[in-house]
C-alpha cells in the first residue's frame, strides 16, 4: 500500500510540474498565408536542378512574415531515393506581438542544406520520408541603433517530414486527378549555439491537390506552424502558434528528353 501511495504521489508531482511548465509559456497567435513555387528541372536520369520561392505572409496576405529562396542540385540514387544539396536565402520580418528578433528588426539568414527523400507506396497511399540537415548563419544585431546585422552566429538544425498522398479516385494519382495530402515536419536544433530551442518548430498541413499533367500539380489547404523562440521573455519560453492558408504550385520539367 505504501508503494502505491509513493507512486501516486510521484505521478502527482510530475503532473503538477508539467502543468507549471505549461503555465510558464508565453503564446503568440498569428494568421498566416504561404504562397509557394517549387520547380524541378530534370537534366538526365540521375541529375536535376531544384528551384523554390516561398512568399510567406502575416495576417494571411497583409504583411510580411518571411521570404525564402532556395536552390539545389538533385541526384537520383535509386527510383525511390533522391539526394539534394543546396543553398537558401531567407529574410525574416518582425511579425506578431513578439518578433523572433529581440529588437523587433528584420534579419537575414544564409543557409546550406543536405537532404534525402525516400518514397514508398502502400496500397493507394503514396508515402515519403524527408530528412534534412541545415547549417545556418542567422543575422543578429549587437545594438539597437544598427540598421544592418553585424553578427551571423552559426546554428545547426535537423528536420524530418512524413508526407502521405491519397487519390480520391482510382488506385494512383494520374493526370486530372484530385488527391488528399497531409504532412508533419519537426525541426530540432543542436550544437553550440542552440540556445533555448532544441525543439525549434513543428509544421502540420492538410491539402487538397490536383494533378494537371506530369509537369504541373496544384495544392491548397491548411497549415499549422508552432515555433519556439530561441530566447526567453521575462524568464518565460515563447511559442508562436501560426495558423492559416497554404498554396503550392509544383512544376516538374524533363529537360533530358529535349537533349536526347
C-alpha atoms as a PDB file:
ATOM      1  CA  UNK A   1       0.000   0.000   0.000  1.00  0.00           C
ATOM      2  CA  UNK A   2       2.880   2.305   0.854  1.00  0.00           C
ATOM      3  CA  UNK A   3       4.443   1.684  -2.560  1.00  0.00           C
ATOM      4  CA  UNK A   4       1.160   2.563  -4.280  1.00  0.00           C
ATOM      5  CA  UNK A   5       0.935   5.790  -2.255  1.00  0.00           C
ATOM      6  CA  UNK A   6       4.505   6.785  -3.174  1.00  0.00           C
ATOM      7  CA  UNK A   7       3.859   6.009  -6.843  1.00  0.00           C
ATOM      8  CA  UNK A   8       0.666   8.111  -6.849  1.00  0.00           C
ATOM      9  CA  UNK A   9       2.470  10.955  -5.102  1.00  0.00           C
ATOM     10  CA  UNK A  10       5.233  10.795  -7.696  1.00  0.00           C
ATOM     11  CA  UNK A  11       2.708  10.918 -10.531  1.00  0.00           C
ATOM     12  CA  UNK A  12       1.004  13.917  -8.939  1.00  0.00           C
ATOM     13  CA  UNK A  13       4.308  15.764  -8.656  1.00  0.00           C
ATOM     14  CA  UNK A  14       5.117  15.033 -12.305  1.00  0.00           C
ATOM     15  CA  UNK A  15       1.696  16.205 -13.472  1.00  0.00           C
ATOM     16  CA  UNK A  16       1.964  19.360 -11.370  1.00  0.00           C
ATOM     17  CA  UNK A  17       5.416  20.070 -12.792  1.00  0.00           C
ATOM     18  CA  UNK A  18       4.135  19.596 -16.339  1.00  0.00           C
ATOM     19  CA  UNK A  19       1.198  21.921 -15.672  1.00  0.00           C
ATOM     20  CA  UNK A  20       3.523  24.512 -14.146  1.00  0.00           C
ATOM     21  CA  UNK A  21       5.827  24.288 -17.164  1.00  0.00           C
ATOM     22  CA  UNK A  22       2.849  24.872 -19.447  1.00  0.00           C
ATOM     23  CA  UNK A  23       1.825  27.918 -17.382  1.00  0.00           C
ATOM     24  CA  UNK A  24       5.289  29.486 -17.788  1.00  0.00           C
ATOM     25  CA  UNK A  25       4.941  29.623 -21.570  1.00  0.00           C
ATOM     26  CA  UNK A  26       4.005  32.754 -23.488  1.00  0.00           C
ATOM     27  CA  UNK A  27       1.858  32.083 -26.574  1.00  0.00           C
ATOM     28  CA  UNK A  28       1.668  34.383 -29.588  1.00  0.00           C
ATOM     29  CA  UNK A  29      -1.092  33.631 -32.139  1.00  0.00           C
ATOM     30  CA  UNK A  30      -0.818  34.735 -35.778  1.00  0.00           C
ATOM     31  CA  UNK A  31      -2.791  34.199 -39.014  1.00  0.00           C
ATOM     32  CA  UNK A  32      -0.504  33.342 -41.912  1.00  0.00           C
ATOM     33  CA  UNK A  33      -0.618  32.693 -45.648  1.00  0.00           C
ATOM     34  CA  UNK A  34       2.128  30.815 -47.508  1.00  0.00           C
ATOM     35  CA  UNK A  35       2.205  31.033 -51.326  1.00  0.00           C
ATOM     36  CA  UNK A  36       4.848  28.712 -52.741  1.00  0.00           C
ATOM     37  CA  UNK A  37       6.504  27.859 -56.052  1.00  0.00           C
ATOM     38  CA  UNK A  38       8.512  24.633 -56.477  1.00  0.00           C
ATOM     39  CA  UNK A  39      10.263  23.893 -59.771  1.00  0.00           C
ATOM     40  CA  UNK A  40      12.384  20.868 -60.655  1.00  0.00           C
ATOM     41  CA  UNK A  41      14.344  20.582 -63.895  1.00  0.00           C
ATOM     42  CA  UNK A  42      15.485  17.052 -64.754  1.00  0.00           C
ATOM     43  CA  UNK A  43      18.772  17.142 -66.704  1.00  0.00           C
ATOM     44  CA  UNK A  44      19.438  13.392 -67.005  1.00  0.00           C
ATOM     45  CA  UNK A  45      18.348  10.099 -65.477  1.00  0.00           C
ATOM     46  CA  UNK A  46      20.240  10.981 -62.298  1.00  0.00           C
ATOM     47  CA  UNK A  47      20.846  14.735 -62.174  1.00  0.00           C
ATOM     48  CA  UNK A  48      18.477  17.667 -61.820  1.00  0.00           C
ATOM     49  CA  UNK A  49      18.100  21.231 -60.506  1.00  0.00           C
ATOM     50  CA  UNK A  50      15.656  22.347 -57.826  1.00  0.00           C
ATOM     51  CA  UNK A  51      14.309  25.912 -57.536  1.00  0.00           C
ATOM     52  CA  UNK A  52      11.900  27.261 -54.936  1.00  0.00           C
ATOM     53  CA  UNK A  53      10.416  30.505 -53.687  1.00  0.00           C
ATOM     54  CA  UNK A  54       8.095  30.845 -50.686  1.00  0.00           C
ATOM     55  CA  UNK A  55       6.124  34.073 -50.246  1.00  0.00           C
ATOM     56  CA  UNK A  56       5.129  33.886 -46.569  1.00  0.00           C
ATOM     57  CA  UNK A  57       2.703  36.471 -45.226  1.00  0.00           C
ATOM     58  CA  UNK A  58       1.335  37.521 -41.847  1.00  0.00           C
ATOM     59  CA  UNK A  59      -2.389  38.306 -41.417  1.00  0.00           C
ATOM     60  CA  UNK A  60      -2.939  35.877 -44.337  1.00  0.00           C
ATOM     61  CA  UNK A  61      -1.730  38.322 -47.001  1.00  0.00           C
ATOM     62  CA  UNK A  62      -1.435  41.822 -45.486  1.00  0.00           C
ATOM     63  CA  UNK A  63       2.194  41.988 -44.304  1.00  0.00           C
ATOM     64  CA  UNK A  64       5.456  40.054 -44.442  1.00  0.00           C
ATOM     65  CA  UNK A  65       6.267  37.042 -42.349  1.00  0.00           C
ATOM     66  CA  UNK A  66       9.170  35.616 -44.319  1.00  0.00           C
ATOM     67  CA  UNK A  67      10.742  35.468 -47.777  1.00  0.00           C
ATOM     68  CA  UNK A  68      12.550  32.249 -48.679  1.00  0.00           C
ATOM     69  CA  UNK A  69      14.535  31.462 -51.841  1.00  0.00           C
ATOM     70  CA  UNK A  70      16.080  28.006 -52.149  1.00  0.00           C
ATOM     71  CA  UNK A  71      18.080  26.286 -54.903  1.00  0.00           C
ATOM     72  CA  UNK A  72      19.691  22.872 -55.050  1.00  0.00           C
ATOM     73  CA  UNK A  73      21.143  20.023 -57.086  1.00  0.00           C
ATOM     74  CA  UNK A  74      19.318  16.668 -57.169  1.00  0.00           C
ATOM     75  CA  UNK A  75      20.908  13.243 -57.540  1.00  0.00           C
ATOM     76  CA  UNK A  76      18.678  10.183 -58.045  1.00  0.00           C
ATOM     77  CA  UNK A  77      20.411   7.324 -56.242  1.00  0.00           C
ATOM     78  CA  UNK A  78      17.506   4.908 -56.744  1.00  0.00           C
ATOM     79  CA  UNK A  79      13.988   5.214 -58.205  1.00  0.00           C
ATOM     80  CA  UNK A  80      12.766   5.702 -54.618  1.00  0.00           C
ATOM     81  CA  UNK A  81      15.723   7.630 -53.153  1.00  0.00           C
ATOM     82  CA  UNK A  82      16.750  11.176 -54.068  1.00  0.00           C
ATOM     83  CA  UNK A  83      19.560  13.277 -52.590  1.00  0.00           C
ATOM     84  CA  UNK A  84      19.755  17.077 -52.723  1.00  0.00           C
ATOM     85  CA  UNK A  85      22.241  19.713 -51.594  1.00  0.00           C
ATOM     86  CA  UNK A  86      21.930  23.453 -51.936  1.00  0.00           C
ATOM     87  CA  UNK A  87      21.665  26.986 -50.586  1.00  0.00           C
ATOM     88  CA  UNK A  88      18.823  29.106 -49.160  1.00  0.00           C
ATOM     89  CA  UNK A  89      18.477  32.852 -48.556  1.00  0.00           C
ATOM     90  CA  UNK A  90      15.833  33.918 -46.049  1.00  0.00           C
ATOM     91  CA  UNK A  91      14.516  37.265 -44.838  1.00  0.00           C
ATOM     92  CA  UNK A  92      12.501  37.075 -41.596  1.00  0.00           C
ATOM     93  CA  UNK A  93      10.381  40.082 -40.676  1.00  0.00           C
ATOM     94  CA  UNK A  94       9.187  41.486 -37.334  1.00  0.00           C
ATOM     95  CA  UNK A  95       5.700  39.963 -37.373  1.00  0.00           C
ATOM     96  CA  UNK A  96       3.406  39.127 -34.460  1.00  0.00           C
ATOM     97  CA  UNK A  97       3.215  40.559 -30.948  1.00  0.00           C
ATOM     98  CA  UNK A  98       6.584  39.014 -30.018  1.00  0.00           C
ATOM     99  CA  UNK A  99       9.005  39.115 -33.021  1.00  0.00           C
ATOM    100  CA  UNK A 100      11.645  36.420 -33.399  1.00  0.00           C
ATOM    101  CA  UNK A 101      14.360  39.082 -33.290  1.00  0.00           C
ATOM    102  CA  UNK A 102      14.529  40.528 -29.772  1.00  0.00           C
ATOM    103  CA  UNK A 103      14.986  44.078 -31.090  1.00  0.00           C
ATOM    104  CA  UNK A 104      11.971  43.833 -33.390  1.00  0.00           C
ATOM    105  CA  UNK A 105      14.084  44.001 -36.553  1.00  0.00           C
ATOM    106  CA  UNK A 106      14.103  42.179 -39.882  1.00  0.00           C
ATOM    107  CA  UNK A 107      17.063  39.816 -40.212  1.00  0.00           C
ATOM    108  CA  UNK A 108      18.781  37.821 -42.956  1.00  0.00           C
ATOM    109  CA  UNK A 109      19.714  34.150 -42.865  1.00  0.00           C
ATOM    110  CA  UNK A 110      22.080  32.253 -45.167  1.00  0.00           C
ATOM    111  CA  UNK A 111      21.721  28.507 -45.161  1.00  0.00           C
ATOM    112  CA  UNK A 112      23.378  25.401 -46.625  1.00  0.00           C
ATOM    113  CA  UNK A 113      21.413  22.165 -46.582  1.00  0.00           C
ATOM    114  CA  UNK A 114      21.645  18.448 -47.392  1.00  0.00           C
ATOM    115  CA  UNK A 115      18.519  16.368 -47.925  1.00  0.00           C
ATOM    116  CA  UNK A 116      17.431  12.797 -48.587  1.00  0.00           C
ATOM    117  CA  UNK A 117      13.900  11.846 -49.703  1.00  0.00           C
ATOM    118  CA  UNK A 118      12.689   8.235 -49.616  1.00  0.00           C
ATOM    119  CA  UNK A 119       9.372   7.350 -51.256  1.00  0.00           C
ATOM    120  CA  UNK A 120       7.173   4.287 -50.878  1.00  0.00           C
ATOM    121  CA  UNK A 121       3.717   3.075 -51.884  1.00  0.00           C
ATOM    122  CA  UNK A 122       1.333   1.311 -49.501  1.00  0.00           C
ATOM    123  CA  UNK A 123      -1.769   0.261 -51.420  1.00  0.00           C
ATOM    124  CA  UNK A 124      -3.278   3.501 -52.776  1.00  0.00           C
ATOM    125  CA  UNK A 125      -1.204   5.631 -50.425  1.00  0.00           C
ATOM    126  CA  UNK A 126       1.993   7.385 -51.570  1.00  0.00           C
ATOM    127  CA  UNK A 127       4.331   7.937 -48.622  1.00  0.00           C
ATOM    128  CA  UNK A 128       7.555   9.935 -48.444  1.00  0.00           C
ATOM    129  CA  UNK A 129      10.157  10.490 -45.742  1.00  0.00           C
ATOM    130  CA  UNK A 130      12.318  13.617 -45.983  1.00  0.00           C
ATOM    131  CA  UNK A 131      15.391  14.075 -43.801  1.00  0.00           C
ATOM    132  CA  UNK A 132      17.320  17.358 -43.891  1.00  0.00           C
ATOM    133  CA  UNK A 133      20.390  18.852 -42.231  1.00  0.00           C
ATOM    134  CA  UNK A 134      20.856  22.630 -42.244  1.00  0.00           C
ATOM    135  CA  UNK A 135      23.874  24.802 -41.495  1.00  0.00           C
ATOM    136  CA  UNK A 136      22.536  28.276 -40.723  1.00  0.00           C
ATOM    137  CA  UNK A 137      24.138  31.704 -40.422  1.00  0.00           C
ATOM    138  CA  UNK A 138      21.442  33.824 -38.775  1.00  0.00           C
ATOM    139  CA  UNK A 139      21.786  37.618 -38.744  1.00  0.00           C
ATOM    140  CA  UNK A 140      21.928  39.375 -35.375  1.00  0.00           C
ATOM    141  CA  UNK A 141      22.267  42.986 -34.196  1.00  0.00           C
ATOM    142  CA  UNK A 142      24.711  43.782 -31.386  1.00  0.00           C
ATOM    143  CA  UNK A 143      22.909  47.070 -30.578  1.00  0.00           C
ATOM    144  CA  UNK A 144      19.518  48.705 -31.157  1.00  0.00           C
ATOM    145  CA  UNK A 145      20.949  51.576 -33.171  1.00  0.00           C
ATOM    146  CA  UNK A 146      22.237  49.404 -36.011  1.00  0.00           C
ATOM    147  CA  UNK A 147      20.311  49.278 -39.294  1.00  0.00           C
ATOM    148  CA  UNK A 148      22.083  46.144 -40.574  1.00  0.00           C
ATOM    149  CA  UNK A 149      23.155  42.906 -38.924  1.00  0.00           C
ATOM    150  CA  UNK A 150      26.770  42.880 -37.750  1.00  0.00           C
ATOM    151  CA  UNK A 151      26.890  39.294 -36.466  1.00  0.00           C
ATOM    152  CA  UNK A 152      25.988  35.934 -38.042  1.00  0.00           C
ATOM    153  CA  UNK A 153      26.204  33.182 -35.382  1.00  0.00           C
ATOM    154  CA  UNK A 154      26.265  29.621 -36.710  1.00  0.00           C
ATOM    155  CA  UNK A 155      23.414  27.194 -35.913  1.00  0.00           C
ATOM    156  CA  UNK A 156      22.721  23.555 -36.774  1.00  0.00           C
ATOM    157  CA  UNK A 157      19.263  22.118 -37.356  1.00  0.00           C
ATOM    158  CA  UNK A 158      17.817  18.718 -38.292  1.00  0.00           C
ATOM    159  CA  UNK A 159      14.398  18.214 -39.886  1.00  0.00           C
ATOM    160  CA  UNK A 160      12.190  15.205 -40.563  1.00  0.00           C
ATOM    161  CA  UNK A 161       8.991  15.280 -42.624  1.00  0.00           C
ATOM    162  CA  UNK A 162       6.469  12.472 -43.150  1.00  0.00           C
ATOM    163  CA  UNK A 163       4.050  13.058 -46.040  1.00  0.00           C
ATOM    164  CA  UNK A 164       1.209  10.916 -47.411  1.00  0.00           C
ATOM    165  CA  UNK A 165      -0.948  11.334 -50.551  1.00  0.00           C
ATOM    166  CA  UNK A 166      -4.178   9.540 -51.438  1.00  0.00           C
ATOM    167  CA  UNK A 167      -6.032   9.775 -54.785  1.00  0.00           C
ATOM    168  CA  UNK A 168      -9.747  10.493 -54.448  1.00  0.00           C
ATOM    169  CA  UNK A 169     -10.447   8.267 -57.427  1.00  0.00           C
ATOM    170  CA  UNK A 170      -8.600   5.225 -58.700  1.00  0.00           C
ATOM    171  CA  UNK A 171      -5.526   3.486 -57.343  1.00  0.00           C
ATOM    172  CA  UNK A 172      -2.912   6.122 -58.189  1.00  0.00           C
ATOM    173  CA  UNK A 173      -2.537   9.843 -58.846  1.00  0.00           C
ATOM    174  CA  UNK A 174      -2.792  10.407 -62.602  1.00  0.00           C
ATOM    175  CA  UNK A 175      -3.475  13.410 -64.829  1.00  0.00           C
ATOM    176  CA  UNK A 176      -6.694  15.300 -63.961  1.00  0.00           C
ATOM    177  CA  UNK A 177      -6.853  13.565 -60.587  1.00  0.00           C
ATOM    178  CA  UNK A 178      -7.816  15.113 -57.255  1.00  0.00           C
ATOM    179  CA  UNK A 179      -5.918  13.875 -54.216  1.00  0.00           C
ATOM    180  CA  UNK A 180      -5.607  14.476 -50.491  1.00  0.00           C
ATOM    181  CA  UNK A 181      -2.219  15.098 -48.898  1.00  0.00           C
ATOM    182  CA  UNK A 182      -1.025  15.551 -45.332  1.00  0.00           C
ATOM    183  CA  UNK A 183       2.377  16.094 -43.821  1.00  0.00           C
ATOM    184  CA  UNK A 184       4.023  16.725 -40.493  1.00  0.00           C
ATOM    185  CA  UNK A 185       7.552  18.085 -40.103  1.00  0.00           C
ATOM    186  CA  UNK A 186       9.570  18.529 -36.915  1.00  0.00           C
ATOM    187  CA  UNK A 187      12.648  20.775 -36.560  1.00  0.00           C
ATOM    188  CA  UNK A 188      15.317  20.181 -33.888  1.00  0.00           C
ATOM    189  CA  UNK A 189      18.273  22.454 -33.174  1.00  0.00           C
ATOM    190  CA  UNK A 190      21.603  21.090 -31.974  1.00  0.00           C
ATOM    191  CA  UNK A 191      25.192  22.165 -31.432  1.00  0.00           C
ATOM    192  CA  UNK A 192      26.973  25.026 -29.689  1.00  0.00           C
ATOM    193  CA  UNK A 193      24.527  27.906 -30.242  1.00  0.00           C
ATOM    194  CA  UNK A 194      21.217  26.082 -29.835  1.00  0.00           C
ATOM    195  CA  UNK A 195      20.062  28.435 -27.007  1.00  0.00           C
ATOM    196  CA  UNK A 196      16.522  27.865 -25.638  1.00  0.00           C
ATOM    197  CA  UNK A 197      15.040  25.953 -28.559  1.00  0.00           C
ATOM    198  CA  UNK A 198      16.309  22.413 -29.002  1.00  0.00           C
ATOM    199  CA  UNK A 199      12.756  21.960 -30.223  1.00  0.00           C
ATOM    200  CA  UNK A 200      12.694  24.597 -32.952  1.00  0.00           C
ATOM    201  CA  UNK A 201       9.312  24.188 -34.614  1.00  0.00           C
ATOM    202  CA  UNK A 202       6.665  21.828 -35.978  1.00  0.00           C
ATOM    203  CA  UNK A 203       4.549  22.122 -39.128  1.00  0.00           C
ATOM    204  CA  UNK A 204       1.334  20.268 -39.901  1.00  0.00           C
ATOM    205  CA  UNK A 205      -0.538  20.677 -43.197  1.00  0.00           C
ATOM    206  CA  UNK A 206      -3.701  19.218 -44.745  1.00  0.00           C
ATOM    207  CA  UNK A 207      -4.005  19.736 -48.519  1.00  0.00           C
ATOM    208  CA  UNK A 208      -6.298  19.153 -51.460  1.00  0.00           C
ATOM    209  CA  UNK A 209      -4.277  18.636 -54.629  1.00  0.00           C
ATOM    210  CA  UNK A 210      -4.924  18.412 -58.352  1.00  0.00           C
ATOM    211  CA  UNK A 211      -2.526  16.941 -60.901  1.00  0.00           C
ATOM    212  CA  UNK A 212      -2.998  18.720 -64.214  1.00  0.00           C
ATOM    213  CA  UNK A 213      -0.209  16.829 -66.002  1.00  0.00           C
ATOM    214  CA  UNK A 214       3.096  15.107 -65.155  1.00  0.00           C
ATOM    215  CA  UNK A 215       4.635  18.611 -65.177  1.00  0.00           C
ATOM    216  CA  UNK A 216       2.089  20.550 -63.079  1.00  0.00           C
ATOM    217  CA  UNK A 217       0.396  19.961 -59.711  1.00  0.00           C
ATOM    218  CA  UNK A 218      -1.532  22.480 -57.604  1.00  0.00           C
ATOM    219  CA  UNK A 219      -2.295  22.215 -53.878  1.00  0.00           C
ATOM    220  CA  UNK A 220      -4.261  24.288 -51.359  1.00  0.00           C
ATOM    221  CA  UNK A 221      -5.073  23.745 -47.717  1.00  0.00           C
ATOM    222  CA  UNK A 222      -4.490  24.443 -44.045  1.00  0.00           C
ATOM    223  CA  UNK A 223      -1.128  24.985 -42.324  1.00  0.00           C
ATOM    224  CA  UNK A 224      -0.352  24.931 -38.602  1.00  0.00           C
ATOM    225  CA  UNK A 225       3.115  26.128 -37.552  1.00  0.00           C
ATOM    226  CA  UNK A 226       4.370  26.090 -33.946  1.00  0.00           C
ATOM    227  CA  UNK A 227       7.658  27.954 -33.434  1.00  0.00           C
ATOM    228  CA  UNK A 228       9.678  28.188 -30.217  1.00  0.00           C
ATOM    229  CA  UNK A 229      11.772  31.344 -29.999  1.00  0.00           C
ATOM    230  CA  UNK A 230      15.455  30.937 -29.199  1.00  0.00           C
ATOM    231  CA  UNK A 231      15.205  33.432 -26.347  1.00  0.00           C
ATOM    232  CA  UNK A 232      13.104  33.968 -23.228  1.00  0.00           C
ATOM    233  CA  UNK A 233      10.847  36.930 -22.470  1.00  0.00           C
ATOM    234  CA  UNK A 234      10.662  37.815 -18.760  1.00  0.00           C
ATOM    235  CA  UNK A 235      12.154  34.420 -17.954  1.00  0.00           C
ATOM    236  CA  UNK A 236       9.500  32.528 -19.934  1.00  0.00           C
ATOM    237  CA  UNK A 237       9.714  30.497 -23.156  1.00  0.00           C
ATOM    238  CA  UNK A 238       7.793  31.942 -26.114  1.00  0.00           C
ATOM    239  CA  UNK A 239       5.817  29.819 -28.589  1.00  0.00           C
ATOM    240  CA  UNK A 240       4.276  31.199 -31.762  1.00  0.00           C
ATOM    241  CA  UNK A 241       1.108  29.437 -32.930  1.00  0.00           C
ATOM    242  CA  UNK A 242       0.715  30.348 -36.600  1.00  0.00           C
ATOM    243  CA  UNK A 243      -2.336  29.066 -38.494  1.00  0.00           C
ATOM    244  CA  UNK A 244      -3.605  29.777 -41.979  1.00  0.00           C
ATOM    245  CA  UNK A 245      -3.610  29.111 -45.680  1.00  0.00           C
ATOM    246  CA  UNK A 246      -1.022  27.366 -47.836  1.00  0.00           C
ATOM    247  CA  UNK A 247      -0.966  27.308 -51.666  1.00  0.00           C
ATOM    248  CA  UNK A 248       1.606  25.269 -53.617  1.00  0.00           C
ATOM    249  CA  UNK A 249       2.392  25.321 -57.334  1.00  0.00           C
ATOM    250  CA  UNK A 250       4.617  22.375 -58.301  1.00  0.00           C
ATOM    251  CA  UNK A 251       6.358  22.172 -61.675  1.00  0.00           C
ATOM    252  CA  UNK A 252       8.487  19.275 -62.965  1.00  0.00           C
ATOM    253  CA  UNK A 253      10.219  19.762 -66.308  1.00  0.00           C
ATOM    254  CA  UNK A 254      12.081  16.906 -68.004  1.00  0.00           C
ATOM    255  CA  UNK A 255      14.849  18.607 -69.985  1.00  0.00           C
ATOM    256  CA  UNK A 256      16.658  15.298 -70.559  1.00  0.00           C
ATOM    257  CA  UNK A 257      14.124  14.363 -73.274  1.00  0.00           C
ATOM    258  CA  UNK A 258      14.922  17.530 -75.215  1.00  0.00           C
ATOM    259  CA  UNK A 259      18.641  16.848 -75.037  1.00  0.00           C
ATOM    260  CA  UNK A 260      18.128  13.336 -76.383  1.00  0.00           C
END
